[in-house]
């Protein structure tokens, strides 16, 4: 039972997208050394493409299927345990 739960958790974790790497904060120059120009603003990522959307949908479907299959396995084990206790 515990192996199945651990396996499903690992499957879900491996299906999730990897988070964006965080960049180290830029060091500001001391006040006396600052220039008159403003630092560049944040960069904006490009909007997601069709392929990214399809990949996200596929991962969602795989995750839902894994959860449904785990539920079927857990319910099956419970039913089997009840029948075993009933017959003993």
Protein backbone atom coordinates (compact mmCIF):
# COMPACT_ATOMS: atom_id res chain seq x y z
CA UNK A 1 0.00 0.00 0.00
CA UNK A 2 2.71 2.42 1.03
CA UNK A 3 4.78 1.55 -2.05
CA UNK A 4 1.87 2.45 -4.31
CA UNK A 5 1.41 5.82 -2.61
CA UNK A 6 5.13 6.60 -2.85
CA UNK A 7 5.19 5.54 -6.51
CA UNK A 8 2.22 7.75 -7.38
CA UNK A 9 3.71 10.72 -5.54
CA UNK A 10 6.94 10.28 -7.49
CA UNK A 11 5.03 10.04 -10.78
CA UNK A 12 3.16 13.24 -10.04
CA UNK A 13 6.34 15.04 -9.00
CA UNK A 14 8.17 14.01 -12.15
CA UNK A 15 5.24 15.13 -14.30
CA UNK A 16 5.16 18.63 -12.84
CA UNK A 17 7.02 21.33 -14.76
CA UNK A 18 10.36 22.39 -13.41
CA UNK A 19 10.33 25.82 -11.76
CA UNK A 20 12.19 28.70 -13.29
CA UNK A 21 15.70 29.18 -11.97
CA UNK A 22 16.06 32.21 -9.79
CA UNK A 23 18.81 34.64 -10.62
CA UNK A 24 21.03 36.10 -7.92
CA UNK A 25 20.03 39.65 -6.99
CA UNK A 26 22.11 42.30 -8.68
CA UNK A 27 24.50 44.16 -6.43
CA UNK A 28 23.85 47.89 -6.38
CA UNK A 29 26.78 50.24 -6.57
CA UNK A 30 27.41 52.50 -3.61
CA UNK A 31 25.58 55.83 -3.76
CA UNK A 32 28.64 57.82 -4.82
CA UNK A 33 29.30 55.48 -7.76
CA UNK A 34 25.79 55.34 -9.17
CA UNK A 35 25.29 56.61 -12.70
CA UNK A 36 22.53 58.88 -13.94
CA UNK A 37 20.88 56.14 -16.06
CA UNK A 38 18.27 53.89 -14.54
CA UNK A 39 18.93 50.15 -14.42
CA UNK A 40 17.13 48.10 -17.07
CA UNK A 41 13.67 46.91 -16.18
CA UNK A 42 12.59 43.30 -15.76
CA UNK A 43 12.49 41.04 -18.78
CA UNK A 44 9.10 39.64 -19.69
CA UNK A 45 8.95 36.05 -20.85
CA UNK A 46 7.42 35.26 -24.20
CA UNK A 47 3.79 34.12 -24.13
CA UNK A 48 3.21 30.37 -24.14
CA UNK A 49 2.98 28.72 -27.54
CA UNK A 50 0.49 26.12 -28.77
CA UNK A 51 3.06 23.41 -28.10
CA UNK A 52 3.46 24.57 -24.48
CA UNK A 53 -0.32 24.54 -24.01
CA UNK A 54 -0.58 21.04 -25.49
CA UNK A 55 2.24 19.83 -23.26
CA UNK A 56 0.53 21.28 -20.18
CA UNK A 57 -2.78 19.61 -21.11
CA UNK A 58 -1.00 16.28 -21.63
CA UNK A 59 0.67 16.51 -18.23
CA UNK A 60 -2.65 17.34 -16.61
CA UNK A 61 -4.34 14.33 -18.21
CA UNK A 62 -1.48 12.03 -17.13
CA UNK A 63 -1.68 13.36 -13.57
CA UNK A 64 -5.44 12.87 -13.38
CA UNK A 65 -5.11 9.34 -14.78
CA UNK A 66 -2.46 8.51 -12.15
CA UNK A 67 -4.72 9.76 -9.35
CA UNK A 68 -7.72 7.78 -10.66
CA UNK A 69 -5.65 4.60 -10.95
CA UNK A 70 -4.29 5.09 -7.43
CA UNK A 71 -7.85 5.48 -6.15
CA UNK A 72 -8.91 2.25 -7.88
CA UNK A 73 -5.97 0.38 -6.32
CA UNK A 74 -6.69 1.75 -2.83
CA UNK A 75 -10.40 0.89 -3.04
CA UNK A 76 -9.58 -2.59 -4.34
CA UNK A 77 -7.25 -3.26 -1.43
CA UNK A 78 -9.86 -2.07 1.05
CA UNK A 79 -12.50 -4.33 -0.48
CA UNK A 80 -10.12 -7.31 -0.46
CA UNK A 81 -9.22 -6.67 3.19
CA UNK A 82 -12.93 -6.51 4.15
CA UNK A 83 -13.64 -9.81 2.38
CA UNK A 84 -10.65 -11.44 4.07
CA UNK A 85 -11.81 -10.30 7.52
CA UNK A 86 -15.38 -11.42 6.80
CA UNK A 87 -14.36 -14.94 5.79
CA UNK A 88 -11.98 -15.40 8.77
